[in-house]
Amino acid sequence: MEFIRGVLSGFTAMSYWEYIAVLLSLAYLLLAIKENRLCWPAAFISTFIYTVMYWNGALVMESALNFYYMIMAVVGWRMWQKTQEQSIVPIVSWSLDRHIKIIIVTSIIAVILGYLTDKYISAELAYLDSFTTCFAIVTTYLVAKKVLENFLYWIVIDTASIYLYFAKGYYPTLVLFVFYTVLVCWGYKRWYDEHEQREGQSLAKLEYD
């Protein structure tokens, strides 16, 4: 009951701008799953709202992260543009070795930032916050590159974020990320099927880039 009251009171306290940002964030994910590049304008507007909102709320790191998302929305729009031959940018799959390198490097950076924010800023849940932030930055780039495995990263990030928002009492955002987690699972299945159909064989039999 306390959780339900927290969710309801949180939604009541949300501003109209925040509601717009949430709806556009959901639109971004749904459009991205369908490979519709209109996802990037939706992402740009929603992250612009969050950038201003977090800045006004003195959440500097969250504001900076969403500013990065704004930049990546522009980059993603350009990357997803059709070529002169009007062919759609294809979904690609990266090798396991490549992903392992990404995970190791990103994890090291996350631990360092977690240590710094914990020691010098006394941030709450510093390591978990650094983990979700660092991997979100990397994974946003993978979305722009249309790397199939981006959804697997998002599943882990969103699950960790659910715990983070629960611990902080951000219940409306927690509910949003529950929806995100379900949607990214669907997104992975959709992109996987399309990639498999285009290549004519399962990923297990493919030589990855």
N, C-alpha and C. Protein backbone atom coordinates (compact mmCIF):
# COMPACT_ATOMS: atom_id res chain seq x y z
N MET A 1 0.83 -1.20 0.00
CA MET A 1 0.00 0.00 0.00
C MET A 1 0.86 1.25 0.00
N GLU A 2 1.96 1.21 0.76
CA GLU A 2 2.85 2.38 0.79
C GLU A 2 3.44 2.64 -0.59
N PHE A 3 3.81 1.55 -1.30
CA PHE A 3 4.36 1.71 -2.65
C PHE A 3 3.32 2.32 -3.58
N ILE A 4 2.07 1.82 -3.52
CA ILE A 4 1.00 2.34 -4.38
C ILE A 4 0.74 3.81 -4.09
N ARG A 5 0.70 4.16 -2.79
CA ARG A 5 0.49 5.57 -2.43
C ARG A 5 1.64 6.44 -2.95
N GLY A 6 2.85 5.89 -2.87
CA GLY A 6 4.02 6.63 -3.36
C GLY A 6 3.95 6.87 -4.85
N VAL A 7 3.51 5.84 -5.59
CA VAL A 7 3.37 5.98 -7.04
C VAL A 7 2.32 7.03 -7.38
N LEU A 8 1.15 6.92 -6.75
CA LEU A 8 0.06 7.85 -7.04
C LEU A 8 0.42 9.29 -6.68
N SER A 9 1.05 9.47 -5.51
CA SER A 9 1.43 10.82 -5.10
C SER A 9 2.52 11.36 -6.02
N GLY A 10 3.40 10.47 -6.48
CA GLY A 10 4.46 10.89 -7.39
C GLY A 10 3.90 11.35 -8.71
N PHE A 11 2.94 10.60 -9.26
CA PHE A 11 2.32 11.00 -10.52
C PHE A 11 1.54 12.30 -10.36
N THR A 12 0.91 12.49 -9.21
CA THR A 12 0.17 13.72 -8.96
C THR A 12 1.09 14.92 -8.92
N ALA A 13 2.30 14.71 -8.37
CA ALA A 13 3.26 15.81 -8.23
C ALA A 13 3.98 16.15 -9.53
N MET A 14 3.88 15.28 -10.55
CA MET A 14 4.56 15.53 -11.81
C MET A 14 3.97 16.74 -12.53
N SER A 15 4.83 17.54 -13.14
CA SER A 15 4.38 18.68 -13.92
C SER A 15 3.92 18.24 -15.30
N TYR A 16 3.25 19.14 -16.02
CA TYR A 16 2.82 18.82 -17.37
C TYR A 16 4.03 18.54 -18.28
N TRP A 17 5.10 19.30 -18.09
CA TRP A 17 6.30 19.11 -18.89
C TRP A 17 6.89 17.73 -18.66
N GLU A 18 6.84 17.27 -17.42
CA GLU A 18 7.38 15.95 -17.12
C GLU A 18 6.53 14.85 -17.76
N TYR A 19 5.21 15.04 -17.76
CA TYR A 19 4.34 14.08 -18.43
C TYR A 19 4.66 14.02 -19.92
N ILE A 20 4.88 15.19 -20.53
CA ILE A 20 5.24 15.24 -21.95
C ILE A 20 6.54 14.49 -22.20
N ALA A 21 7.52 14.71 -21.31
CA ALA A 21 8.81 14.04 -21.45
C ALA A 21 8.67 12.52 -21.34
N VAL A 22 7.84 12.06 -20.42
CA VAL A 22 7.62 10.62 -20.24
C VAL A 22 6.97 10.02 -21.49
N LEU A 23 5.93 10.69 -22.00
CA LEU A 23 5.23 10.19 -23.19
C LEU A 23 6.15 10.15 -24.41
N LEU A 24 6.97 11.19 -24.56
CA LEU A 24 7.90 11.23 -25.68
C LEU A 24 9.00 10.18 -25.52
N SER A 25 9.38 9.89 -24.28
CA SER A 25 10.37 8.84 -24.03
C SER A 25 9.83 7.48 -24.44
N LEU A 26 8.58 7.22 -24.12
CA LEU A 26 7.94 5.97 -24.55
C LEU A 26 7.81 5.92 -26.07
N ALA A 27 7.45 7.07 -26.67
CA ALA A 27 7.34 7.14 -28.12
C ALA A 27 8.69 6.86 -28.78
N TYR A 28 9.75 7.39 -28.18
CA TYR A 28 11.10 7.15 -28.71
C TYR A 28 11.40 5.65 -28.76
N LEU A 29 11.14 4.95 -27.67
CA LEU A 29 11.47 3.53 -27.60
C LEU A 29 10.64 2.72 -28.59
N LEU A 30 9.35 3.01 -28.67
CA LEU A 30 8.47 2.28 -29.59
C LEU A 30 8.88 2.52 -31.04
N LEU A 31 9.21 3.76 -31.37
CA LEU A 31 9.62 4.09 -32.73
C LEU A 31 10.98 3.49 -33.06
N ALA A 32 11.88 3.46 -32.06
CA ALA A 32 13.20 2.87 -32.27
C ALA A 32 13.08 1.38 -32.55
N ILE A 33 12.19 0.70 -31.82
CA ILE A 33 11.97 -0.73 -32.04
C ILE A 33 11.47 -0.99 -33.46
N LYS A 34 10.64 -0.06 -33.97
CA LYS A 34 10.11 -0.20 -35.33
C LYS A 34 11.06 0.38 -36.37
N GLU A 35 12.24 0.81 -35.94
CA GLU A 35 13.27 1.37 -36.82
C GLU A 35 12.79 2.62 -37.56
N ASN A 36 11.92 3.36 -36.91
CA ASN A 36 11.42 4.61 -37.46
C ASN A 36 12.29 5.75 -36.94
N ARG A 37 12.94 6.50 -37.83
CA ARG A 37 13.89 7.51 -37.34
C ARG A 37 13.21 8.72 -36.71
N LEU A 38 11.88 8.76 -36.71
CA LEU A 38 11.19 9.79 -35.94
C LEU A 38 11.42 9.60 -34.44
N CYS A 39 11.99 8.45 -34.08
CA CYS A 39 12.32 8.23 -32.67
C CYS A 39 13.30 9.28 -32.16
N TRP A 40 14.18 9.75 -33.06
CA TRP A 40 15.22 10.69 -32.63
C TRP A 40 14.68 12.08 -32.31
N PRO A 41 13.74 12.67 -33.11
CA PRO A 41 13.12 13.92 -32.67
C PRO A 41 12.39 13.79 -31.34
N ALA A 42 11.72 12.64 -31.15
CA ALA A 42 11.03 12.41 -29.87
C ALA A 42 12.04 12.37 -28.73
N ALA A 43 13.18 11.72 -28.98
CA ALA A 43 14.23 11.65 -27.96
C ALA A 43 14.81 13.02 -27.68
N PHE A 44 15.01 13.81 -28.73
CA PHE A 44 15.60 15.14 -28.57
C PHE A 44 14.73 16.03 -27.68
N ILE A 45 13.42 16.05 -27.97
CA ILE A 45 12.52 16.92 -27.21
C ILE A 45 12.40 16.45 -25.77
N SER A 46 12.25 15.14 -25.57
CA SER A 46 12.09 14.62 -24.21
C SER A 46 13.34 14.88 -23.37
N THR A 47 14.52 14.66 -23.97
CA THR A 47 15.76 14.86 -23.21
C THR A 47 16.04 16.35 -22.98
N PHE A 48 15.57 17.20 -23.90
CA PHE A 48 15.69 18.64 -23.66
C PHE A 48 14.90 19.04 -22.42
N ILE A 49 13.68 18.50 -22.32
CA ILE A 49 12.85 18.79 -21.14
C ILE A 49 13.53 18.29 -19.87
N TYR A 50 14.06 17.06 -19.92
CA TYR A 50 14.73 16.50 -18.75
C TYR A 50 16.00 17.27 -18.41
N THR A 51 16.73 17.73 -19.42
CA THR A 51 17.94 18.51 -19.17
C THR A 51 17.63 19.76 -18.37
N VAL A 52 16.61 20.49 -18.79
CA VAL A 52 16.20 21.72 -18.09
C VAL A 52 15.64 21.39 -16.72
N MET A 53 14.81 20.36 -16.65
CA MET A 53 14.16 19.99 -15.39
C MET A 53 15.18 19.58 -14.34
N TYR A 54 16.14 18.73 -14.72
CA TYR A 54 17.16 18.29 -13.77
C TYR A 54 18.10 19.43 -13.39
N TRP A 55 18.39 20.30 -14.35
CA TRP A 55 19.26 21.45 -14.04
C TRP A 55 18.59 22.36 -13.02
N ASN A 56 17.31 22.63 -13.22
CA ASN A 56 16.57 23.46 -12.26
C ASN A 56 16.45 22.78 -10.91
N GLY A 57 16.50 21.46 -10.90
CA GLY A 57 16.43 20.72 -9.64
C GLY A 57 17.79 20.44 -9.03
N ALA A 58 18.84 21.05 -9.60
CA ALA A 58 20.21 20.93 -9.09
C ALA A 58 20.76 19.51 -9.20
N LEU A 59 20.22 18.73 -10.11
CA LEU A 59 20.74 17.39 -10.39
C LEU A 59 21.67 17.50 -11.61
N VAL A 60 22.88 17.97 -11.35
CA VAL A 60 23.80 18.35 -12.42
C VAL A 60 24.17 17.17 -13.30
N MET A 61 24.51 16.02 -12.69
CA MET A 61 24.93 14.87 -13.47
C MET A 61 23.80 14.33 -14.35
N GLU A 62 22.60 14.28 -13.81
CA GLU A 62 21.46 13.83 -14.60
C GLU A 62 21.18 14.80 -15.75
N SER A 63 21.34 16.09 -15.47
CA SER A 63 21.16 17.10 -16.51
C SER A 63 22.21 16.93 -17.60
N ALA A 64 23.46 16.69 -17.21
CA ALA A 64 24.55 16.50 -18.18
C ALA A 64 24.31 15.24 -19.01
N LEU A 65 23.82 14.17 -18.38
CA LEU A 65 23.54 12.93 -19.09
C LEU A 65 22.47 13.15 -20.15
N ASN A 66 21.42 13.86 -19.80
CA ASN A 66 20.35 14.11 -20.77
C ASN A 66 20.79 15.07 -21.87
N PHE A 67 21.72 15.97 -21.55
CA PHE A 67 22.30 16.81 -22.60
C PHE A 67 23.06 15.95 -23.61
N TYR A 68 23.77 14.94 -23.10
CA TYR A 68 24.45 13.99 -23.98
C TYR A 68 23.43 13.25 -24.85
N TYR A 69 22.31 12.86 -24.24
CA TYR A 69 21.25 12.20 -25.01
C TYR A 69 20.74 13.10 -26.14
N MET A 70 20.66 14.41 -25.87
CA MET A 70 20.23 15.35 -26.90
C MET A 70 21.18 15.32 -28.09
N ILE A 71 22.48 15.33 -27.79
CA ILE A 71 23.48 15.28 -28.85
C ILE A 71 23.36 13.98 -29.64
N MET A 72 23.19 12.86 -28.91
CA MET A 72 23.08 11.56 -29.57
C MET A 72 21.80 11.45 -30.39
N ALA A 73 20.77 12.21 -30.03
CA ALA A 73 19.54 12.21 -30.82
C ALA A 73 19.82 12.80 -32.20
N VAL A 74 20.65 13.83 -32.25
CA VAL A 74 21.04 14.42 -33.54
C VAL A 74 21.93 13.45 -34.32
N VAL A 75 22.90 12.84 -33.62
CA VAL A 75 23.78 11.86 -34.25
C VAL A 75 22.98 10.67 -34.78
N GLY A 76 22.06 10.18 -33.97
CA GLY A 76 21.23 9.05 -34.37
C GLY A 76 20.39 9.36 -35.59
N TRP A 77 19.82 10.56 -35.62
CA TRP A 77 19.01 10.98 -36.77
C TRP A 77 19.83 10.94 -38.05
N ARG A 78 21.05 11.43 -37.97
CA ARG A 78 21.92 11.44 -39.15
C ARG A 78 22.35 10.03 -39.55
N MET A 79 22.66 9.20 -38.55
CA MET A 79 23.08 7.82 -38.84
C MET A 79 21.95 7.00 -39.46
N TRP A 80 20.73 7.30 -39.07
CA TRP A 80 19.60 6.52 -39.56
C TRP A 80 19.02 7.06 -40.87
N GLN A 81 19.60 8.13 -41.39
CA GLN A 81 19.10 8.66 -42.65
C GLN A 81 19.31 7.64 -43.76
N LYS A 82 18.41 7.65 -44.69
CA LYS A 82 18.54 6.74 -45.83
C LYS A 82 19.72 7.17 -46.70
N THR A 83 20.36 6.21 -47.30
CA THR A 83 21.47 6.50 -48.19
C THR A 83 20.91 6.98 -49.53
N GLN A 84 21.81 7.34 -50.45
CA GLN A 84 21.38 7.81 -51.76
C GLN A 84 20.60 6.74 -52.52
N GLU A 85 20.90 5.48 -52.19
CA GLU A 85 20.17 4.38 -52.84
C GLU A 85 18.83 4.09 -52.16
N GLN A 86 18.52 4.90 -51.12
CA GLN A 86 17.26 4.76 -50.40
C GLN A 86 17.15 3.43 -49.67
N SER A 87 18.28 2.87 -49.28
CA SER A 87 18.24 1.62 -48.51
C SER A 87 18.27 1.95 -47.03
N ILE A 88 17.53 1.18 -46.26
CA ILE A 88 17.46 1.41 -44.83
C ILE A 88 18.76 0.95 -44.16
N VAL A 89 19.22 1.72 -43.20
CA VAL A 89 20.41 1.33 -42.45
C VAL A 89 20.15 -0.02 -41.80
N PRO A 90 20.97 -1.04 -42.07
CA PRO A 90 20.68 -2.39 -41.58
C PRO A 90 21.04 -2.58 -40.11
N ILE A 91 20.37 -3.51 -39.48
CA ILE A 91 20.72 -3.93 -38.13
C ILE A 91 21.98 -4.77 -38.21
N VAL A 92 22.92 -4.54 -37.31
CA VAL A 92 24.16 -5.31 -37.29
C VAL A 92 24.32 -6.00 -35.93
N SER A 93 25.15 -7.02 -35.91
CA SER A 93 25.44 -7.72 -34.66
C SER A 93 26.94 -7.74 -34.46
N TRP A 94 27.39 -7.34 -33.28
CA TRP A 94 28.82 -7.31 -32.99
C TRP A 94 29.24 -8.60 -32.29
N SER A 95 30.52 -8.93 -32.41
CA SER A 95 31.04 -10.17 -31.85
C SER A 95 31.04 -10.13 -30.32
N LEU A 96 31.05 -11.32 -29.73
CA LEU A 96 31.09 -11.43 -28.27
C LEU A 96 32.37 -10.81 -27.71
N ASP A 97 33.49 -11.01 -28.41
CA ASP A 97 34.75 -10.43 -27.95
C ASP A 97 34.67 -8.90 -27.89
N ARG A 98 34.03 -8.33 -28.87
CA ARG A 98 33.88 -6.87 -28.91
C ARG A 98 33.04 -6.38 -27.75
N HIS A 99 31.98 -7.09 -27.46
CA HIS A 99 31.11 -6.70 -26.34
C HIS A 99 31.83 -6.88 -25.00
N ILE A 100 32.63 -7.93 -24.89
CA ILE A 100 33.38 -8.14 -23.64
C ILE A 100 34.33 -6.97 -23.38
N LYS A 101 35.00 -6.50 -24.44
CA LYS A 101 35.89 -5.35 -24.30
C LYS A 101 35.12 -4.10 -23.88
N ILE A 102 33.95 -3.91 -24.48
CA ILE A 102 33.11 -2.76 -24.12
C ILE A 102 32.71 -2.83 -22.66
N ILE A 103 32.28 -4.01 -22.22
CA ILE A 103 31.83 -4.19 -20.84
C ILE A 103 32.97 -3.96 -19.85
N ILE A 104 34.15 -4.49 -20.16
CA ILE A 104 35.30 -4.34 -19.25
C ILE A 104 35.70 -2.88 -19.12
N VAL A 105 35.87 -2.20 -20.26
CA VAL A 105 36.30 -0.80 -20.23
C VAL A 105 35.26 0.08 -19.55
N THR A 106 33.98 -0.12 -19.90
CA THR A 106 32.92 0.69 -19.30
C THR A 106 32.80 0.43 -17.81
N SER A 107 32.97 -0.82 -17.40
CA SER A 107 32.90 -1.16 -15.97
C SER A 107 34.02 -0.49 -15.18
N ILE A 108 35.22 -0.48 -15.75
CA ILE A 108 36.36 0.17 -15.08
C ILE A 108 36.08 1.65 -14.89
N ILE A 109 35.59 2.30 -15.95
CA ILE A 109 35.26 3.73 -15.86
C ILE A 109 34.17 3.96 -14.82
N ALA A 110 33.16 3.07 -14.80
CA ALA A 110 32.05 3.21 -13.84
C ALA A 110 32.55 3.07 -12.40
N VAL A 111 33.46 2.13 -12.16
CA VAL A 111 34.01 1.95 -10.80
C VAL A 111 34.80 3.19 -10.38
N ILE A 112 35.60 3.74 -11.29
CA ILE A 112 36.39 4.94 -10.98
C ILE A 112 35.47 6.11 -10.65
N LEU A 113 34.47 6.33 -11.50
CA LEU A 113 33.53 7.43 -11.26
C LEU A 113 32.72 7.19 -9.98
N GLY A 114 32.37 5.93 -9.72
CA GLY A 114 31.66 5.60 -8.49
C GLY A 114 32.49 5.93 -7.27
N TYR A 115 33.76 5.60 -7.34
CA TYR A 115 34.67 5.89 -6.22
C TYR A 115 34.79 7.40 -6.00
N LEU A 116 34.96 8.15 -7.10
CA LEU A 116 35.14 9.59 -7.00
C LEU A 116 33.89 10.28 -6.45
N THR A 117 32.71 9.88 -6.97
CA THR A 117 31.48 10.52 -6.50
C THR A 117 31.14 10.10 -5.07
N ASP A 118 31.54 8.88 -4.69
CA ASP A 118 31.29 8.41 -3.33
C ASP A 118 32.22 9.11 -2.34
N LYS A 119 33.48 9.30 -2.73
CA LYS A 119 34.48 9.86 -1.82
C LYS A 119 34.39 11.38 -1.70
N TYR A 120 34.18 12.04 -2.85
CA TYR A 120 34.28 13.50 -2.86
C TYR A 120 32.93 14.22 -2.90
N ILE A 121 31.89 13.52 -3.33
CA ILE A 121 30.57 14.15 -3.38
C ILE A 121 29.62 13.51 -2.38
N SER A 122 30.00 12.36 -1.84
CA SER A 122 29.15 11.60 -0.92
C SER A 122 27.80 11.27 -1.55
N ALA A 123 27.85 10.88 -2.82
CA ALA A 123 26.63 10.55 -3.53
C ALA A 123 26.04 9.25 -3.00
N GLU A 124 24.71 9.18 -3.00
CA GLU A 124 24.03 7.96 -2.57
C GLU A 124 24.06 6.94 -3.70
N LEU A 125 24.27 5.67 -3.34
CA LEU A 125 24.32 4.59 -4.33
C LEU A 125 25.24 4.96 -5.49
N ALA A 126 26.41 5.49 -5.13
CA ALA A 126 27.32 6.07 -6.12
C ALA A 126 27.74 5.08 -7.21
N TYR A 127 28.07 3.86 -6.79
CA TYR A 127 28.56 2.88 -7.77
C TYR A 127 27.46 2.42 -8.71
N LEU A 128 26.27 2.19 -8.18
CA LEU A 128 25.15 1.78 -9.02
C LEU A 128 24.76 2.91 -9.97
N ASP A 129 24.76 4.13 -9.48
CA ASP A 129 24.43 5.29 -10.30
C ASP A 129 25.45 5.45 -11.43
N SER A 130 26.73 5.26 -11.11
CA SER A 130 27.78 5.37 -12.12
C SER A 130 27.66 4.26 -13.15
N PHE A 131 27.32 3.05 -12.68
CA PHE A 131 27.15 1.92 -13.58
C PHE A 131 26.04 2.20 -14.60
N THR A 132 24.88 2.61 -14.14
CA THR A 132 23.76 2.84 -15.05
C THR A 132 24.06 4.00 -16.00
N THR A 133 24.71 5.03 -15.48
CA THR A 133 25.02 6.20 -16.30
C THR A 133 26.03 5.86 -17.40
N CYS A 134 27.13 5.23 -17.02
CA CYS A 134 28.19 4.90 -17.99
C CYS A 134 27.69 3.96 -19.08
N PHE A 135 26.95 2.93 -18.67
CA PHE A 135 26.47 1.98 -19.66
C PHE A 135 25.34 2.57 -20.51
N ALA A 136 24.57 3.49 -19.95
CA ALA A 136 23.53 4.16 -20.74
C ALA A 136 24.17 5.01 -21.84
N ILE A 137 25.28 5.66 -21.53
CA ILE A 137 25.99 6.47 -22.53
C ILE A 137 26.47 5.60 -23.68
N VAL A 138 27.10 4.47 -23.33
CA VAL A 138 27.62 3.56 -24.36
C VAL A 138 26.48 2.95 -25.17
N THR A 139 25.43 2.53 -24.49
CA THR A 139 24.34 1.83 -25.16
C THR A 139 23.56 2.74 -26.09
N THR A 140 23.45 4.02 -25.75
CA THR A 140 22.80 4.97 -26.64
C THR A 140 23.54 5.05 -27.97
N TYR A 141 24.87 4.98 -27.91
CA TYR A 141 25.66 4.96 -29.14
C TYR A 141 25.38 3.68 -29.94
N LEU A 142 25.21 2.55 -29.24
CA LEU A 142 24.91 1.29 -29.92
C LEU A 142 23.56 1.36 -30.63
N VAL A 143 22.60 2.06 -30.02
CA VAL A 143 21.29 2.24 -30.67
C VAL A 143 21.47 3.01 -31.97
N ALA A 144 22.26 4.09 -31.91
CA ALA A 144 22.50 4.92 -33.09
C ALA A 144 23.16 4.12 -34.21
N LYS A 145 24.03 3.17 -33.82
CA LYS A 145 24.71 2.32 -34.79
C LYS A 145 23.86 1.12 -35.22
N LYS A 146 22.68 0.99 -34.62
CA LYS A 146 21.75 -0.11 -34.88
C LYS A 146 22.39 -1.46 -34.60
N VAL A 147 23.07 -1.55 -33.46
CA VAL A 147 23.66 -2.80 -33.01
C VAL A 147 22.59 -3.59 -32.27
N LEU A 148 22.31 -4.79 -32.73
CA LEU A 148 21.24 -5.61 -32.17
C LEU A 148 21.32 -5.75 -30.66
N GLU A 149 22.53 -5.98 -30.15
CA GLU A 149 22.70 -6.29 -28.73
C GLU A 149 22.45 -5.11 -27.81
N ASN A 150 22.15 -3.92 -28.35
CA ASN A 150 21.87 -2.78 -27.48
C ASN A 150 20.74 -3.09 -26.52
N PHE A 151 19.76 -3.90 -26.98
CA PHE A 151 18.62 -4.22 -26.13
C PHE A 151 19.02 -5.05 -24.92
N LEU A 152 20.01 -5.91 -25.09
CA LEU A 152 20.48 -6.71 -23.96
C LEU A 152 21.13 -5.82 -22.90
N TYR A 153 21.86 -4.82 -23.35
CA TYR A 153 22.43 -3.85 -22.42
C TYR A 153 21.32 -3.12 -21.67
N TRP A 154 20.28 -2.69 -22.44
CA TRP A 154 19.20 -1.93 -21.82
C TRP A 154 18.44 -2.75 -20.78
N ILE A 155 18.31 -4.05 -21.03
CA ILE A 155 17.61 -4.89 -20.05
C ILE A 155 18.32 -4.84 -18.70
N VAL A 156 19.65 -4.96 -18.74
CA VAL A 156 20.43 -4.91 -17.49
C VAL A 156 20.38 -3.53 -16.88
N ILE A 157 20.56 -2.49 -17.72
CA ILE A 157 20.55 -1.11 -17.22
C ILE A 157 19.21 -0.76 -16.59
N ASP A 158 18.12 -1.09 -17.29
CA ASP A 158 16.79 -0.75 -16.79
C ASP A 158 16.45 -1.51 -15.51
N THR A 159 16.87 -2.77 -15.43
CA THR A 159 16.63 -3.55 -14.22
C THR A 159 17.38 -2.95 -13.03
N ALA A 160 18.63 -2.56 -13.26
CA ALA A 160 19.41 -1.91 -12.20
C ALA A 160 18.79 -0.57 -11.83
N SER A 161 18.28 0.14 -12.82
CA SER A 161 17.66 1.45 -12.57
C SER A 161 16.38 1.31 -11.75
N ILE A 162 15.64 0.22 -11.97
CA ILE A 162 14.42 -0.03 -11.19
C ILE A 162 14.76 -0.08 -9.71
N TYR A 163 15.82 -0.82 -9.38
CA TYR A 163 16.24 -0.90 -7.98
C TYR A 163 16.70 0.46 -7.47
N LEU A 164 17.44 1.18 -8.31
CA LEU A 164 17.94 2.50 -7.93
C LEU A 164 16.79 3.45 -7.61
N TYR A 165 15.78 3.49 -8.46
CA TYR A 165 14.65 4.40 -8.25
C TYR A 165 13.77 3.95 -7.09
N PHE A 166 13.72 2.65 -6.87
CA PHE A 166 12.97 2.14 -5.71
C PHE A 166 13.66 2.58 -4.42
N ALA A 167 14.98 2.45 -4.39
CA ALA A 167 15.74 2.84 -3.20
C ALA A 167 15.62 4.34 -2.93
N LYS A 168 15.50 5.13 -4.01
CA LYS A 168 15.40 6.58 -3.87
C LYS A 168 13.96 7.06 -3.72
N GLY A 169 13.01 6.15 -3.89
CA GLY A 169 11.61 6.53 -3.74
C GLY A 169 11.02 7.23 -4.96
N TYR A 170 11.68 7.08 -6.12
CA TYR A 170 11.17 7.69 -7.36
C TYR A 170 10.21 6.70 -8.02
N TYR A 171 9.05 6.53 -7.43
CA TYR A 171 8.14 5.48 -7.86
C TYR A 171 7.56 5.66 -9.27
N PRO A 172 7.17 6.87 -9.66
CA PRO A 172 6.68 7.02 -11.03
C PRO A 172 7.73 6.65 -12.08
N THR A 173 8.96 7.06 -11.84
CA THR A 173 10.05 6.71 -12.76
C THR A 173 10.30 5.21 -12.74
N LEU A 174 10.15 4.59 -11.56
CA LEU A 174 10.29 3.15 -11.44
C LEU A 174 9.28 2.44 -12.33
N VAL A 175 8.03 2.88 -12.29
CA VAL A 175 6.98 2.29 -13.11
C VAL A 175 7.32 2.44 -14.59
N LEU A 176 7.82 3.63 -14.97
CA LEU A 176 8.21 3.87 -16.35
C LEU A 176 9.28 2.88 -16.79
N PHE A 177 10.26 2.61 -15.92
CA PHE A 177 11.35 1.71 -16.28
C PHE A 177 10.92 0.25 -16.30
N VAL A 178 9.87 -0.09 -15.56
CA VAL A 178 9.30 -1.43 -15.68
C VAL A 178 8.75 -1.61 -17.10
N PHE A 179 8.03 -0.59 -17.60
CA PHE A 179 7.54 -0.64 -18.96
C PHE A 179 8.71 -0.71 -19.95
N TYR A 180 9.74 0.08 -19.68
CA TYR A 180 10.93 0.07 -20.55
C TYR A 180 11.51 -1.34 -20.66
N THR A 181 11.63 -2.03 -19.52
CA THR A 181 12.24 -3.36 -19.49
C THR A 181 11.43 -4.34 -20.34
N VAL A 182 10.11 -4.26 -20.23
CA VAL A 182 9.25 -5.13 -21.05
C VAL A 182 9.40 -4.80 -22.53
N LEU A 183 9.43 -3.51 -22.84
CA LEU A 183 9.51 -3.08 -24.24
C LEU A 183 10.84 -3.45 -24.88
N VAL A 184 11.93 -3.34 -24.13
CA VAL A 184 13.23 -3.67 -24.73
C VAL A 184 13.35 -5.18 -25.00
N CYS A 185 12.69 -6.00 -24.19
CA CYS A 185 12.66 -7.44 -24.46
C CYS A 185 11.94 -7.70 -25.78
N TRP A 186 10.83 -7.02 -25.98
CA TRP A 186 10.10 -7.13 -27.25
C TRP A 186 10.94 -6.58 -28.40
N GLY A 187 11.64 -5.47 -28.14
CA GLY A 187 12.48 -4.85 -29.16
C GLY A 187 13.59 -5.78 -29.61
N TYR A 188 14.20 -6.47 -28.68
CA TYR A 188 15.28 -7.40 -29.03
C TYR A 188 14.74 -8.52 -29.92
N LYS A 189 13.59 -9.05 -29.56
CA LYS A 189 12.98 -10.14 -30.35
C LYS A 189 12.67 -9.65 -31.76
N ARG A 190 12.15 -8.45 -31.88
CA ARG A 190 11.79 -7.90 -33.20
C ARG A 190 13.03 -7.68 -34.05
N TRP A 191 14.06 -7.06 -33.50
CA TRP A 191 15.29 -6.81 -34.25
C TRP A 191 16.00 -8.11 -34.57
N TYR A 192 15.99 -9.06 -33.64
CA TYR A 192 16.62 -10.36 -33.87
C TYR A 192 15.99 -11.06 -35.06
N ASP A 193 14.66 -11.09 -35.09
CA ASP A 193 13.95 -11.76 -36.18
C ASP A 193 14.26 -11.10 -37.51
N GLU A 194 14.30 -9.77 -37.54
CA GLU A 194 14.59 -9.06 -38.78
C GLU A 194 16.02 -9.33 -39.25
N HIS A 195 16.97 -9.30 -38.29
CA HIS A 195 18.37 -9.57 -38.63
C HIS A 195 18.53 -11.00 -39.15
N GLU A 196 17.87 -11.94 -38.50
CA GLU A 196 17.94 -13.34 -38.90
C GLU A 196 17.36 -13.54 -40.29
N GLN A 197 16.24 -12.87 -40.57
CA GLN A 197 15.60 -12.99 -41.87
C GLN A 197 16.48 -12.39 -42.97
N ARG A 198 17.12 -11.26 -42.68
CA ARG A 198 17.97 -10.61 -43.68
C ARG A 198 19.20 -11.44 -43.99
N GLU A 199 19.80 -12.05 -42.94
CA GLU A 199 21.01 -12.82 -43.12
C GLU A 199 20.73 -14.25 -43.62
N GLY A 200 19.49 -14.73 -43.40
CA GLY A 200 19.13 -16.05 -43.88
C GLY A 200 19.56 -17.19 -42.98
N GLN A 201 20.08 -16.85 -41.79
CA GLN A 201 20.47 -17.88 -40.82
C GLN A 201 20.52 -17.26 -39.43
N SER A 202 20.54 -18.12 -38.41
CA SER A 202 20.51 -17.65 -37.03
C SER A 202 21.84 -17.02 -36.65
N LEU A 203 21.82 -16.21 -35.59
CA LEU A 203 23.03 -15.54 -35.14
C LEU A 203 24.11 -16.55 -34.74
N ALA A 204 23.69 -17.70 -34.24
CA ALA A 204 24.66 -18.70 -33.78
C ALA A 204 25.55 -19.18 -34.92
N LYS A 205 25.07 -19.05 -36.17
CA LYS A 205 25.82 -19.56 -37.31
C LYS A 205 26.54 -18.45 -38.08
N LEU A 206 26.34 -17.20 -37.64
CA LEU A 206 26.91 -16.08 -38.37
C LEU A 206 28.31 -15.75 -37.88
N GLU A 207 29.12 -15.23 -38.76
CA GLU A 207 30.39 -14.63 -38.35
C GLU A 207 30.10 -13.17 -38.09
N TYR A 208 30.29 -12.75 -36.83
CA TYR A 208 29.97 -11.38 -36.46
C TYR A 208 31.03 -10.43 -36.99
N ASP A 209 30.60 -9.15 -37.10
CA ASP A 209 31.55 -8.12 -37.51
C ASP A 209 32.59 -7.92 -36.42
